[in-house]
Amino acid sequence: MNEIVPSCLYKIVSVDGWAASKKDGRVEPSKFDETFNHLSTADQLERICTKYWGNVPIFVVLTVDPTKFVGALKLETNPGGSSKYYHLYDGHIPLDAVIDAQTIRNDIAL
């Protein structure tokens, strides 16, 4: 990857997924992660929370350190669009890559 990767990225998971992650020692993929882990930059986070998690009453936003990822991190254009997103292939996000975890309620941020 030739791009300069931000010092942190964001991963959104369900509350149950976060609980399982803490037991497993790695971030559990979300329901949207079929072939790779979806990640967001700070600029993309609000849009992704609204678009994909807007109907979920409570979820967790993880701030993660990409230097600790296991696998191939790629910056890719979304199909049919022009926005680029980070995707983690063939690997996982170790729990020690999590810098912060913020529980979000759609009516109130905790």
C-alpha atoms as a PDB file:
ATOM      1  CA  MET A   1       0.000   0.000   0.000  1.00  0.00           C
ATOM      2  CA  ASN A   2       1.571   3.294  -1.103  1.00  0.00           C
ATOM      3  CA  GLU A   3      -0.843   5.656   0.641  1.00  0.00           C
ATOM      4  CA  ILE A   4      -0.063   7.178   4.009  1.00  0.00           C
ATOM      5  CA  VAL A   5      -2.396   5.406   6.401  1.00  0.00           C
ATOM      6  CA  PRO A   6      -3.950   7.577   9.135  1.00  0.00           C
ATOM      7  CA  SER A   7      -2.646   6.976  12.666  1.00  0.00           C
ATOM      8  CA  CYS A   8      -6.079   5.672  13.613  1.00  0.00           C
ATOM      9  CA  LEU A   9      -9.113   4.274  11.847  1.00  0.00           C
ATOM     10  CA  TYR A  10     -12.593   3.459  13.116  1.00  0.00           C
ATOM     11  CA  LYS A  11     -14.453   0.155  13.288  1.00  0.00           C
ATOM     12  CA  ILE A  12     -18.125  -0.069  14.219  1.00  0.00           C
ATOM     13  CA  VAL A  13     -19.411  -3.178  15.964  1.00  0.00           C
ATOM     14  CA  SER A  14     -22.537  -4.273  17.775  1.00  0.00           C
ATOM     15  CA  VAL A  15     -22.621  -4.329  21.571  1.00  0.00           C
ATOM     16  CA  ASP A  16     -22.672  -8.139  21.471  1.00  0.00           C
ATOM     17  CA  GLY A  17     -19.813  -8.115  18.956  1.00  0.00           C
ATOM     18  CA  TRP A  18     -17.747  -5.922  21.283  1.00  0.00           C
ATOM     19  CA  ALA A  19     -18.420  -8.248  24.230  1.00  0.00           C
ATOM     20  CA  ALA A  20     -17.353 -11.246  22.122  1.00  0.00           C
ATOM     21  CA  SER A  21     -14.272  -9.347  20.921  1.00  0.00           C
ATOM     22  CA  LYS A  22     -13.080  -8.803  24.476  1.00  0.00           C
ATOM     23  CA  LYS A  23     -13.390 -12.541  25.164  1.00  0.00           C
ATOM     24  CA  ASP A  24     -11.758 -13.618  21.867  1.00  0.00           C
ATOM     25  CA  GLY A  25      -8.845 -11.157  21.916  1.00  0.00           C
ATOM     26  CA  ARG A  26      -9.714  -9.848  18.457  1.00  0.00           C
ATOM     27  CA  VAL A  27     -12.388  -7.556  17.071  1.00  0.00           C
ATOM     28  CA  GLU A  28     -15.347  -9.571  15.851  1.00  0.00           C
ATOM     29  CA  PRO A  29     -16.431  -8.639  12.321  1.00  0.00           C
ATOM     30  CA  SER A  30     -19.745  -6.799  12.031  1.00  0.00           C
ATOM     31  CA  LYS A  31     -22.746  -8.004  10.062  1.00  0.00           C
ATOM     32  CA  PHE A  32     -21.434  -5.938   7.122  1.00  0.00           C
ATOM     33  CA  ASP A  33     -18.048  -7.710   6.979  1.00  0.00           C
ATOM     34  CA  GLU A  34     -18.474 -10.658   4.650  1.00  0.00           C
ATOM     35  CA  THR A  35     -15.186 -10.743   2.727  1.00  0.00           C
ATOM     36  CA  PHE A  36     -13.217  -8.068   4.584  1.00  0.00           C
ATOM     37  CA  ASN A  37     -13.380  -5.754   7.590  1.00  0.00           C
ATOM     38  CA  HIS A  38     -14.823  -2.328   6.776  1.00  0.00           C
ATOM     39  CA  LEU A  39     -13.027   0.621   8.362  1.00  0.00           C
ATOM     40  CA  SER A  40     -13.671   4.361   8.358  1.00  0.00           C
ATOM     41  CA  THR A  41     -11.572   7.475   8.584  1.00  0.00           C
ATOM     42  CA  ALA A  42     -12.561  10.288  10.946  1.00  0.00           C
ATOM     43  CA  ASP A  43     -14.145  12.173   8.032  1.00  0.00           C
ATOM     44  CA  GLN A  44     -16.279   9.164   7.055  1.00  0.00           C
ATOM     45  CA  LEU A  45     -17.386   8.058  10.502  1.00  0.00           C
ATOM     46  CA  GLU A  46     -20.548  10.123  10.969  1.00  0.00           C
ATOM     47  CA  ARG A  47     -21.849   9.223   7.490  1.00  0.00           C
ATOM     48  CA  ILE A  48     -21.224   5.508   8.045  1.00  0.00           C
ATOM     49  CA  CYS A  49     -22.862   5.566  11.497  1.00  0.00           C
ATOM     50  CA  THR A  50     -25.951   7.210  10.032  1.00  0.00           C
ATOM     51  CA  LYS A  51     -26.175   5.114   6.864  1.00  0.00           C
ATOM     52  CA  TYR A  52     -25.489   1.643   8.259  1.00  0.00           C
ATOM     53  CA  TRP A  53     -26.114   1.917  11.994  1.00  0.00           C
ATOM     54  CA  GLY A  54     -28.858   4.567  12.070  1.00  0.00           C
ATOM     55  CA  ASN A  55     -31.584   2.049  12.956  1.00  0.00           C
ATOM     56  CA  VAL A  56     -29.521   0.238  15.580  1.00  0.00           C
ATOM     57  CA  PRO A  57     -30.384   1.535  19.056  1.00  0.00           C
ATOM     58  CA  ILE A  58     -26.904   1.054  20.518  1.00  0.00           C
ATOM     59  CA  PHE A  59     -23.524   0.195  18.996  1.00  0.00           C
ATOM     60  CA  VAL A  60     -19.808   0.649  19.672  1.00  0.00           C
ATOM     61  CA  VAL A  61     -17.325   2.779  17.738  1.00  0.00           C
ATOM     62  CA  LEU A  62     -13.767   1.519  18.109  1.00  0.00           C
ATOM     63  CA  THR A  63     -10.752   3.719  17.476  1.00  0.00           C
ATOM     64  CA  VAL A  64      -8.093   1.339  16.175  1.00  0.00           C
ATOM     65  CA  ASP A  65      -4.381   1.475  15.393  1.00  0.00           C
ATOM     66  CA  PRO A  66      -3.837   0.162  11.837  1.00  0.00           C
ATOM     67  CA  THR A  67      -0.152  -0.604  12.491  1.00  0.00           C
ATOM     68  CA  LYS A  68      -1.279  -3.538  14.652  1.00  0.00           C
ATOM     69  CA  PHE A  69      -3.643  -5.151  12.124  1.00  0.00           C
ATOM     70  CA  VAL A  70      -3.033  -8.687  10.916  1.00  0.00           C
ATOM     71  CA  GLY A  71      -3.725  -9.001   7.178  1.00  0.00           C
ATOM     72  CA  ALA A  72      -3.731  -6.774   4.114  1.00  0.00           C
ATOM     73  CA  LEU A  73      -5.075  -3.229   4.518  1.00  0.00           C
ATOM     74  CA  LYS A  74      -6.256  -1.722   1.234  1.00  0.00           C
ATOM     75  CA  LEU A  75      -7.704   1.675   0.323  1.00  0.00           C
ATOM     76  CA  GLU A  76     -10.390   1.007  -2.276  1.00  0.00           C
ATOM     77  CA  THR A  77     -13.067   2.915  -4.154  1.00  0.00           C
ATOM     78  CA  ASN A  78     -16.578   1.775  -3.326  1.00  0.00           C
ATOM     79  CA  PRO A  79     -18.379   0.059  -6.234  1.00  0.00           C
ATOM     80  CA  GLY A  80     -20.102   2.609  -8.456  1.00  0.00           C
ATOM     81  CA  GLY A  81     -18.775   5.522  -6.429  1.00  0.00           C
ATOM     82  CA  SER A  82     -15.764   7.727  -5.968  1.00  0.00           C
ATOM     83  CA  SER A  83     -15.220   7.532  -2.187  1.00  0.00           C
ATOM     84  CA  LYS A  84     -12.324   5.427  -0.954  1.00  0.00           C
ATOM     85  CA  TYR A  85     -12.523   3.269   2.160  1.00  0.00           C
ATOM     86  CA  TYR A  86     -10.038   1.139   4.052  1.00  0.00           C
ATOM     87  CA  HIS A  87     -10.682  -2.602   3.978  1.00  0.00           C
ATOM     88  CA  LEU A  88      -8.778  -5.281   5.897  1.00  0.00           C
ATOM     89  CA  TYR A  89      -8.470  -8.566   4.007  1.00  0.00           C
ATOM     90  CA  ASP A  90      -7.299 -11.992   5.153  1.00  0.00           C
ATOM     91  CA  GLY A  91      -6.779 -11.048   8.754  1.00  0.00           C
ATOM     92  CA  HIS A  92      -8.186  -9.465  11.868  1.00  0.00           C
ATOM     93  CA  ILE A  93      -7.932  -6.561  14.272  1.00  0.00           C
ATOM     94  CA  PRO A  94      -6.207  -7.699  17.480  1.00  0.00           C
ATOM     95  CA  LEU A  95      -7.707  -6.407  20.703  1.00  0.00           C
ATOM     96  CA  ASP A  96      -4.466  -4.571  21.495  1.00  0.00           C
ATOM     97  CA  ALA A  97      -5.069  -2.438  18.370  1.00  0.00           C
ATOM     98  CA  VAL A  98      -8.134  -0.889  20.053  1.00  0.00           C
ATOM     99  CA  ILE A  99      -7.219   2.581  21.347  1.00  0.00           C
ATOM    100  CA  ASP A 100     -10.708   3.553  22.505  1.00  0.00           C
ATOM    101  CA  ALA A 101     -14.242   2.164  22.559  1.00  0.00           C
ATOM    102  CA  GLN A 102     -17.222   4.508  22.658  1.00  0.00           C
ATOM    103  CA  THR A 103     -20.743   3.196  23.147  1.00  0.00           C
ATOM    104  CA  ILE A 104     -23.224   5.161  21.057  1.00  0.00           C
ATOM    105  CA  ARG A 105     -26.984   5.362  21.503  1.00  0.00           C
ATOM    106  CA  ASN A 106     -28.841   6.735  18.534  1.00  0.00           C
ATOM    107  CA  ASP A 107     -30.652   9.188  20.789  1.00  0.00           C
ATOM    108  CA  ILE A 108     -27.716   9.971  23.139  1.00  0.00           C
ATOM    109  CA  ALA A 109     -23.943   9.498  22.849  1.00  0.00           C
ATOM    110  CA  LEU A 110     -22.592   7.928  26.051  1.00  0.00           C
END
